[in-house]
Amino acid sequence: MKVYLVGEGSGDIGYRNHWCEKTLEHIDVDGWLQPVARNIRPTETLEIVAQARDRLVIDKTLTRRTRPLPHGHGMKALLAKRSALLNKCDVVIYMVDTDSSDVRRWREIVSEITAGFDRLDGNITCIACVPMSASESWLMSDANAWDQVTGRSEGLPTAPETVWGQRNDPQGNHPHMLFGRLCDAAGVPDNRDIRFLIGQRSAVTTLSTKCAQSFVPFCNALLAA
């Protein structure tokens, strides 16, 4: 199954065509979302094509065809679907953080993405991936994954989807800040590599239990693809 994956940054979807000093060649480096997707469908090979959201650009022809333009994340979701179709993919996944612990905001973003997908015809499965409160919430769900990767799981939130705080408060409970402090306490860097390893080792059953609001719909949609 060929999957077109659109995400926010390198921590989410990794790097494409990255120069590796060790092998002296260009390679693709995954973020946390690729191994999580593969864990959901472990019995088959997923061919994943990743694209950064800010690289999806609208053109005049598409603008004329889709007026009025989709609201919010709908426009980028439409562009993601078009690019996935051009790449002959079976599935398109559009990932963005909720950036809120309010379930109403989560529903609003999912609705925007779905509306964008619906504006373009095409035989492809379209999936919204919208972690609450942020992707770090999913990545702070599995204590076993943290024990395996960092040797330390103390301090993980019991309800990671509801964790929230000021984005720029280093001692606050915004998921970005809390994740960084947990990495510091474990003596590991807060970077793409750690996110990849934690995502790779996070159990689907644990994510489904700890992040039932946002992970379960994504998981079910990918299972049904």
C-alpha atoms as a PDB file:
ATOM      1  CA  MET A   1       0.000   0.000   0.000  1.00  0.00           C
ATOM      2  CA  LYS A   2       1.379   3.390  -1.002  1.00  0.00           C
ATOM      3  CA  VAL A   3       0.755   6.190   1.503  1.00  0.00           C
ATOM      4  CA  TYR A   4       1.173   9.920   0.938  1.00  0.00           C
ATOM      5  CA  LEU A   5       1.984  11.544   4.268  1.00  0.00           C
ATOM      6  CA  VAL A   6       1.726  15.283   4.833  1.00  0.00           C
ATOM      7  CA  GLY A   7       2.954  16.703   8.139  1.00  0.00           C
ATOM      8  CA  GLU A   8       4.203  19.813   9.845  1.00  0.00           C
ATOM      9  CA  GLY A   9       7.924  19.359  10.464  1.00  0.00           C
ATOM     10  CA  SER A  10      10.921  17.057  10.495  1.00  0.00           C
ATOM     11  CA  GLY A  11      10.026  15.654  13.913  1.00  0.00           C
ATOM     12  CA  ASP A  12       6.729  14.462  12.448  1.00  0.00           C
ATOM     13  CA  ILE A  13       7.688  13.238   8.973  1.00  0.00           C
ATOM     14  CA  GLY A  14      11.497  13.358   8.908  1.00  0.00           C
ATOM     15  CA  TYR A  15      13.718  14.530   6.074  1.00  0.00           C
ATOM     16  CA  ARG A  16      13.677  13.652   2.409  1.00  0.00           C
ATOM     17  CA  ASN A  17      16.885  13.258   0.415  1.00  0.00           C
ATOM     18  CA  HIS A  18      19.009  13.885   3.512  1.00  0.00           C
ATOM     19  CA  TRP A  19      22.802  13.653   3.125  1.00  0.00           C
ATOM     20  CA  CYS A  20      24.168  10.965   5.427  1.00  0.00           C
ATOM     21  CA  GLU A  21      27.777  11.493   6.511  1.00  0.00           C
ATOM     22  CA  LYS A  22      28.014   7.844   7.583  1.00  0.00           C
ATOM     23  CA  THR A  23      26.981   6.239   4.282  1.00  0.00           C
ATOM     24  CA  LEU A  24      27.949   9.202   2.060  1.00  0.00           C
ATOM     25  CA  GLU A  25      24.662   9.091   0.209  1.00  0.00           C
ATOM     26  CA  HIS A  26      21.277  10.762   0.192  1.00  0.00           C
ATOM     27  CA  ILE A  27      18.681   8.918   2.246  1.00  0.00           C
ATOM     28  CA  ASP A  28      15.139   9.404   3.550  1.00  0.00           C
ATOM     29  CA  VAL A  29      14.928   9.760   7.328  1.00  0.00           C
ATOM     30  CA  ASP A  30      11.575   9.114   9.022  1.00  0.00           C
ATOM     31  CA  GLY A  31       9.866  11.108  11.755  1.00  0.00           C
ATOM     32  CA  TRP A  32       7.626   9.646  14.459  1.00  0.00           C
ATOM     33  CA  LEU A  33       4.560   9.236  12.246  1.00  0.00           C
ATOM     34  CA  GLN A  34       5.977   6.677   9.810  1.00  0.00           C
ATOM     35  CA  PRO A  35       6.722   4.022  12.454  1.00  0.00           C
ATOM     36  CA  VAL A  36       3.384   4.648  14.178  1.00  0.00           C
ATOM     37  CA  ALA A  37       1.582   4.091  10.864  1.00  0.00           C
ATOM     38  CA  ARG A  38       3.576   0.919  10.257  1.00  0.00           C
ATOM     39  CA  ASN A  39       2.771  -0.342  13.758  1.00  0.00           C
ATOM     40  CA  ILE A  40      -0.939   0.021  12.959  1.00  0.00           C
ATOM     41  CA  ARG A  41      -0.537  -2.237   9.906  1.00  0.00           C
ATOM     42  CA  PRO A  42       2.425  -4.440  10.883  1.00  0.00           C
ATOM     43  CA  THR A  43       1.736  -7.346   8.527  1.00  0.00           C
ATOM     44  CA  GLU A  44       2.247  -5.424   5.285  1.00  0.00           C
ATOM     45  CA  THR A  45       4.823  -3.166   3.724  1.00  0.00           C
ATOM     46  CA  LEU A  46       3.801   0.472   3.606  1.00  0.00           C
ATOM     47  CA  GLU A  47       5.502   2.543   0.933  1.00  0.00           C
ATOM     48  CA  ILE A  48       5.389   6.024   2.452  1.00  0.00           C
ATOM     49  CA  VAL A  49       5.943   9.234   0.505  1.00  0.00           C
ATOM     50  CA  ALA A  50       6.341  12.162   2.916  1.00  0.00           C
ATOM     51  CA  GLN A  51       5.802  15.822   2.133  1.00  0.00           C
ATOM     52  CA  ALA A  52       6.027  18.917   4.324  1.00  0.00           C
ATOM     53  CA  ARG A  53       2.776  20.848   4.489  1.00  0.00           C
ATOM     54  CA  ASP A  54       4.386  24.177   3.597  1.00  0.00           C
ATOM     55  CA  ARG A  55       5.621  22.707   0.305  1.00  0.00           C
ATOM     56  CA  LEU A  56       2.053  22.278  -0.943  1.00  0.00           C
ATOM     57  CA  VAL A  57       1.314  25.354  -3.058  1.00  0.00           C
ATOM     58  CA  ILE A  58      -1.935  26.244  -4.785  1.00  0.00           C
ATOM     59  CA  ASP A  59      -1.963  27.286  -8.450  1.00  0.00           C
ATOM     60  CA  LYS A  60      -4.351  29.518 -10.408  1.00  0.00           C
ATOM     61  CA  THR A  61      -6.017  26.633 -12.249  1.00  0.00           C
ATOM     62  CA  LEU A  62      -6.903  24.847  -9.031  1.00  0.00           C
ATOM     63  CA  THR A  63      -8.031  28.123  -7.471  1.00  0.00           C
ATOM     64  CA  ARG A  64     -10.543  28.660 -10.266  1.00  0.00           C
ATOM     65  CA  ARG A  65     -11.825  25.091 -10.038  1.00  0.00           C
ATOM     66  CA  THR A  66     -12.350  25.066  -6.276  1.00  0.00           C
ATOM     67  CA  ARG A  67     -13.929  28.449  -5.473  1.00  0.00           C
ATOM     68  CA  PRO A  68     -14.944  29.201  -2.827  1.00  0.00           C
ATOM     69  CA  LEU A  69     -11.678  27.945  -1.390  1.00  0.00           C
ATOM     70  CA  PRO A  70     -11.911  25.502   1.515  1.00  0.00           C
ATOM     71  CA  HIS A  71     -11.662  27.028   4.977  1.00  0.00           C
ATOM     72  CA  GLY A  72      -8.761  26.604   7.407  1.00  0.00           C
ATOM     73  CA  HIS A  73      -6.809  23.388   6.858  1.00  0.00           C
ATOM     74  CA  GLY A  74      -9.195  22.427   4.081  1.00  0.00           C
ATOM     75  CA  MET A  75      -7.101  24.046   1.358  1.00  0.00           C
ATOM     76  CA  LYS A  76      -3.929  22.203   2.348  1.00  0.00           C
ATOM     77  CA  ALA A  77      -5.885  18.951   2.686  1.00  0.00           C
ATOM     78  CA  LEU A  78      -7.192  19.414  -0.849  1.00  0.00           C
ATOM     79  CA  LEU A  79      -3.642  20.037  -2.102  1.00  0.00           C
ATOM     80  CA  ALA A  80      -2.423  16.966  -0.225  1.00  0.00           C
ATOM     81  CA  LYS A  81      -5.068  14.815  -1.876  1.00  0.00           C
ATOM     82  CA  ARG A  82      -4.218  16.158  -5.327  1.00  0.00           C
ATOM     83  CA  SER A  83      -0.515  15.510  -4.814  1.00  0.00           C
ATOM     84  CA  ALA A  84      -1.251  12.008  -3.510  1.00  0.00           C
ATOM     85  CA  LEU A  85      -3.301  11.255  -6.619  1.00  0.00           C
ATOM     86  CA  LEU A  86      -0.512  12.530  -8.862  1.00  0.00           C
ATOM     87  CA  ASN A  87       1.900  10.224  -7.012  1.00  0.00           C
ATOM     88  CA  LYS A  88      -0.506   7.292  -7.546  1.00  0.00           C
ATOM     89  CA  CYS A  89      -0.947   6.642  -3.841  1.00  0.00           C
ATOM     90  CA  ASP A  90      -3.634   4.508  -2.234  1.00  0.00           C
ATOM     91  CA  VAL A  91      -3.934   6.597   0.936  1.00  0.00           C
ATOM     92  CA  VAL A  92      -3.333  10.220   1.889  1.00  0.00           C
ATOM     93  CA  ILE A  93      -2.758  11.181   5.532  1.00  0.00           C
ATOM     94  CA  TYR A  94      -2.894  14.843   6.500  1.00  0.00           C
ATOM     95  CA  MET A  95      -1.371  15.442   9.929  1.00  0.00           C
ATOM     96  CA  VAL A  96      -1.585  18.598  12.022  1.00  0.00           C
ATOM     97  CA  ASP A  97      -1.610  19.255  15.762  1.00  0.00           C
ATOM     98  CA  THR A  98      -4.809  20.431  17.408  1.00  0.00           C
ATOM     99  CA  ASP A  99      -2.745  22.978  19.381  1.00  0.00           C
ATOM    100  CA  SER A 100      -5.486  22.874  21.991  1.00  0.00           C
ATOM    101  CA  SER A 101      -6.840  20.512  24.627  1.00  0.00           C
ATOM    102  CA  ASP A 102     -10.388  21.540  23.722  1.00  0.00           C
ATOM    103  CA  VAL A 103     -12.206  18.729  21.916  1.00  0.00           C
ATOM    104  CA  ARG A 104     -14.311  21.310  20.104  1.00  0.00           C
ATOM    105  CA  ARG A 105     -11.209  22.658  18.391  1.00  0.00           C
ATOM    106  CA  TRP A 106     -10.151  19.108  17.496  1.00  0.00           C
ATOM    107  CA  ARG A 107     -13.522  18.466  15.857  1.00  0.00           C
ATOM    108  CA  GLU A 108     -13.286  21.770  13.992  1.00  0.00           C
ATOM    109  CA  ILE A 109      -9.897  20.928  12.485  1.00  0.00           C
ATOM    110  CA  VAL A 110     -10.974  17.395  11.517  1.00  0.00           C
ATOM    111  CA  SER A 111     -14.039  18.910   9.839  1.00  0.00           C
ATOM    112  CA  GLU A 112     -11.884  21.397   7.897  1.00  0.00           C
ATOM    113  CA  ILE A 113      -9.591  18.620   6.660  1.00  0.00           C
ATOM    114  CA  THR A 114     -12.493  16.370   5.689  1.00  0.00           C
ATOM    115  CA  ALA A 115     -14.179  19.214   3.797  1.00  0.00           C
ATOM    116  CA  GLY A 116     -10.962  19.851   1.878  1.00  0.00           C
ATOM    117  CA  PHE A 117     -10.633  16.190   0.937  1.00  0.00           C
ATOM    118  CA  ASP A 118     -14.244  16.155  -0.239  1.00  0.00           C
ATOM    119  CA  ARG A 119     -13.700  19.030  -2.675  1.00  0.00           C
ATOM    120  CA  LEU A 120     -11.647  16.860  -5.033  1.00  0.00           C
ATOM    121  CA  ASP A 121     -12.738  13.621  -6.680  1.00  0.00           C
ATOM    122  CA  GLY A 122     -10.404  10.658  -6.734  1.00  0.00           C
ATOM    123  CA  ASN A 123     -10.201   6.991  -5.826  1.00  0.00           C
ATOM    124  CA  ILE A 124      -8.069   7.302  -2.703  1.00  0.00           C
ATOM    125  CA  THR A 125      -8.558   6.836   1.035  1.00  0.00           C
ATOM    126  CA  CYS A 126      -8.268  10.172   2.864  1.00  0.00           C
ATOM    127  CA  ILE A 127      -7.333  10.254   6.555  1.00  0.00           C
ATOM    128  CA  ALA A 128      -7.072  13.133   9.030  1.00  0.00           C
ATOM    129  CA  CYS A 129      -4.392  12.706  11.705  1.00  0.00           C
ATOM    130  CA  VAL A 130      -4.948  15.383  14.369  1.00  0.00           C
ATOM    131  CA  PRO A 131      -3.275  14.671  17.720  1.00  0.00           C
ATOM    132  CA  MET A 132      -4.707  16.340  20.823  1.00  0.00           C
ATOM    133  CA  SER A 133      -3.219  18.473  22.310  1.00  0.00           C
ATOM    134  CA  ALA A 134      -0.089  18.068  20.179  1.00  0.00           C
ATOM    135  CA  SER A 135       1.894  15.208  18.694  1.00  0.00           C
ATOM    136  CA  GLU A 136       4.018  15.102  21.849  1.00  0.00           C
ATOM    137  CA  SER A 137       0.869  14.023  23.685  1.00  0.00           C
ATOM    138  CA  TRP A 138       0.818  10.801  21.666  1.00  0.00           C
ATOM    139  CA  LEU A 139       4.533  10.416  22.222  1.00  0.00           C
ATOM    140  CA  MET A 140       4.135  10.744  26.018  1.00  0.00           C
ATOM    141  CA  SER A 141       1.631   7.894  26.209  1.00  0.00           C
ATOM    142  CA  ASP A 142       3.670   4.705  26.446  1.00  0.00           C
ATOM    143  CA  ALA A 143       5.854   4.264  29.535  1.00  0.00           C
ATOM    144  CA  ASN A 144       7.367   1.067  28.109  1.00  0.00           C
ATOM    145  CA  ALA A 145       8.511   2.953  25.013  1.00  0.00           C
ATOM    146  CA  TRP A 146      10.210   5.575  27.190  1.00  0.00           C
ATOM    147  CA  ASP A 147      11.864   2.890  29.327  1.00  0.00           C
ATOM    148  CA  GLN A 148      13.221   1.204  26.203  1.00  0.00           C
ATOM    149  CA  VAL A 149      14.437   4.391  24.504  1.00  0.00           C
ATOM    150  CA  THR A 150      15.573   6.564  27.420  1.00  0.00           C
ATOM    151  CA  GLY A 151      15.690   4.258  30.437  1.00  0.00           C
ATOM    152  CA  ARG A 152      13.264   6.537  32.285  1.00  0.00           C
ATOM    153  CA  SER A 153       9.479   6.930  32.239  1.00  0.00           C
ATOM    154  CA  GLU A 154       8.830   8.921  35.428  1.00  0.00           C
ATOM    155  CA  GLY A 155       6.705  12.014  34.960  1.00  0.00           C
ATOM    156  CA  LEU A 156       4.669  10.928  31.947  1.00  0.00           C
ATOM    157  CA  PRO A 157       1.135  12.385  32.082  1.00  0.00           C
ATOM    158  CA  THR A 158      -1.703  10.034  32.901  1.00  0.00           C
ATOM    159  CA  ALA A 159      -4.044  11.800  30.434  1.00  0.00           C
ATOM    160  CA  PRO A 160      -1.708  13.100  27.706  1.00  0.00           C
ATOM    161  CA  GLU A 161      -4.460  14.438  25.432  1.00  0.00           C
ATOM    162  CA  THR A 162      -5.531  16.947  28.082  1.00  0.00           C
ATOM    163  CA  VAL A 163      -2.059  18.292  28.874  1.00  0.00           C
ATOM    164  CA  TRP A 164      -1.857  22.002  28.139  1.00  0.00           C
ATOM    165  CA  GLY A 165      -0.123  25.237  29.120  1.00  0.00           C
ATOM    166  CA  GLN A 166       1.558  28.351  27.778  1.00  0.00           C
ATOM    167  CA  ARG A 167       3.629  27.574  24.688  1.00  0.00           C
ATOM    168  CA  ASN A 168       6.572  29.723  25.801  1.00  0.00           C
ATOM    169  CA  ASP A 169       6.609  28.763  29.489  1.00  0.00           C
ATOM    170  CA  PRO A 170       9.585  26.423  30.055  1.00  0.00           C
ATOM    171  CA  GLN A 171       8.064  25.186  33.328  1.00  0.00           C
ATOM    172  CA  GLY A 172       4.520  24.969  31.986  1.00  0.00           C
ATOM    173  CA  ASN A 173       2.606  21.933  30.797  1.00  0.00           C
ATOM    174  CA  HIS A 174       2.376  22.706  27.108  1.00  0.00           C
ATOM    175  CA  PRO A 175       3.146  19.331  25.464  1.00  0.00           C
ATOM    176  CA  HIS A 176       6.231  20.737  23.704  1.00  0.00           C
ATOM    177  CA  MET A 177       7.663  21.998  26.995  1.00  0.00           C
ATOM    178  CA  LEU A 178       6.737  18.934  29.038  1.00  0.00           C
ATOM    179  CA  PHE A 179       8.222  16.608  26.416  1.00  0.00           C
ATOM    180  CA  GLY A 180      11.448  18.632  26.468  1.00  0.00           C
ATOM    181  CA  ARG A 181      11.703  18.488  30.261  1.00  0.00           C
ATOM    182  CA  LEU A 182      11.104  14.725  30.224  1.00  0.00           C
ATOM    183  CA  CYS A 183      13.921  14.366  27.686  1.00  0.00           C
ATOM    184  CA  ASP A 184      16.197  16.506  29.863  1.00  0.00           C
ATOM    185  CA  ALA A 185      15.375  14.392  32.923  1.00  0.00           C
ATOM    186  CA  ALA A 186      16.179  11.232  30.970  1.00  0.00           C
ATOM    187  CA  GLY A 187      19.444  12.686  29.641  1.00  0.00           C
ATOM    188  CA  VAL A 188      18.458  12.471  25.974  1.00  0.00           C
ATOM    189  CA  PRO A 189      18.069  15.203  23.342  1.00  0.00           C
ATOM    190  CA  ASP A 190      14.668  16.511  22.330  1.00  0.00           C
ATOM    191  CA  ASN A 191      15.011  15.838  18.603  1.00  0.00           C
ATOM    192  CA  ARG A 192      13.729  13.889  15.615  1.00  0.00           C
ATOM    193  CA  ASP A 193      15.736  10.782  16.488  1.00  0.00           C
ATOM    194  CA  ILE A 194      14.116  10.447  19.925  1.00  0.00           C
ATOM    195  CA  ARG A 195      10.652  11.043  18.488  1.00  0.00           C
ATOM    196  CA  PHE A 196      11.255   8.365  15.861  1.00  0.00           C
ATOM    197  CA  LEU A 197      12.441   5.817  18.422  1.00  0.00           C
ATOM    198  CA  ILE A 198       9.559   6.498  20.827  1.00  0.00           C
ATOM    199  CA  GLY A 199       7.039   6.363  17.980  1.00  0.00           C
ATOM    200  CA  GLN A 200       8.560   3.097  16.787  1.00  0.00           C
ATOM    201  CA  ARG A 201       8.204   1.491  20.220  1.00  0.00           C
ATOM    202  CA  SER A 202       4.826   2.942  21.219  1.00  0.00           C
ATOM    203  CA  ALA A 203       2.205   0.182  21.322  1.00  0.00           C
ATOM    204  CA  VAL A 204      -0.961   0.768  19.321  1.00  0.00           C
ATOM    205  CA  THR A 205      -3.055  -0.620  22.185  1.00  0.00           C
ATOM    206  CA  THR A 206      -1.503   1.830  24.644  1.00  0.00           C
ATOM    207  CA  LEU A 207      -1.958   4.792  22.316  1.00  0.00           C
ATOM    208  CA  SER A 208      -5.577   3.765  21.810  1.00  0.00           C
ATOM    209  CA  THR A 209      -6.162   3.705  25.563  1.00  0.00           C
ATOM    210  CA  LYS A 210      -4.306   6.884  26.485  1.00  0.00           C
ATOM    211  CA  CYS A 211      -5.362   8.945  23.440  1.00  0.00           C
ATOM    212  CA  ALA A 212      -8.820   7.623  22.679  1.00  0.00           C
ATOM    213  CA  GLN A 213     -10.174  10.934  21.384  1.00  0.00           C
ATOM    214  CA  SER A 214      -7.638  11.583  18.639  1.00  0.00           C
ATOM    215  CA  PHE A 215      -5.581   8.434  18.053  1.00  0.00           C
ATOM    216  CA  VAL A 216      -8.404   5.899  17.812  1.00  0.00           C
ATOM    217  CA  PRO A 217     -10.137   7.592  14.813  1.00  0.00           C
ATOM    218  CA  PHE A 218      -6.809   7.818  12.992  1.00  0.00           C
ATOM    219  CA  CYS A 219      -5.949   4.214  13.805  1.00  0.00           C
ATOM    220  CA  ASN A 220      -9.343   2.901  12.715  1.00  0.00           C
ATOM    221  CA  ALA A 221      -9.233   4.855   9.464  1.00  0.00           C
ATOM    222  CA  LEU A 222      -5.816   3.481   8.573  1.00  0.00           C
ATOM    223  CA  LEU A 223      -6.864  -0.053   9.477  1.00  0.00           C
ATOM    224  CA  ALA A 224      -9.887   0.273   7.195  1.00  0.00           C
ATOM    225  CA  ALA A 225      -7.912   1.690   4.252  1.00  0.00           C
END
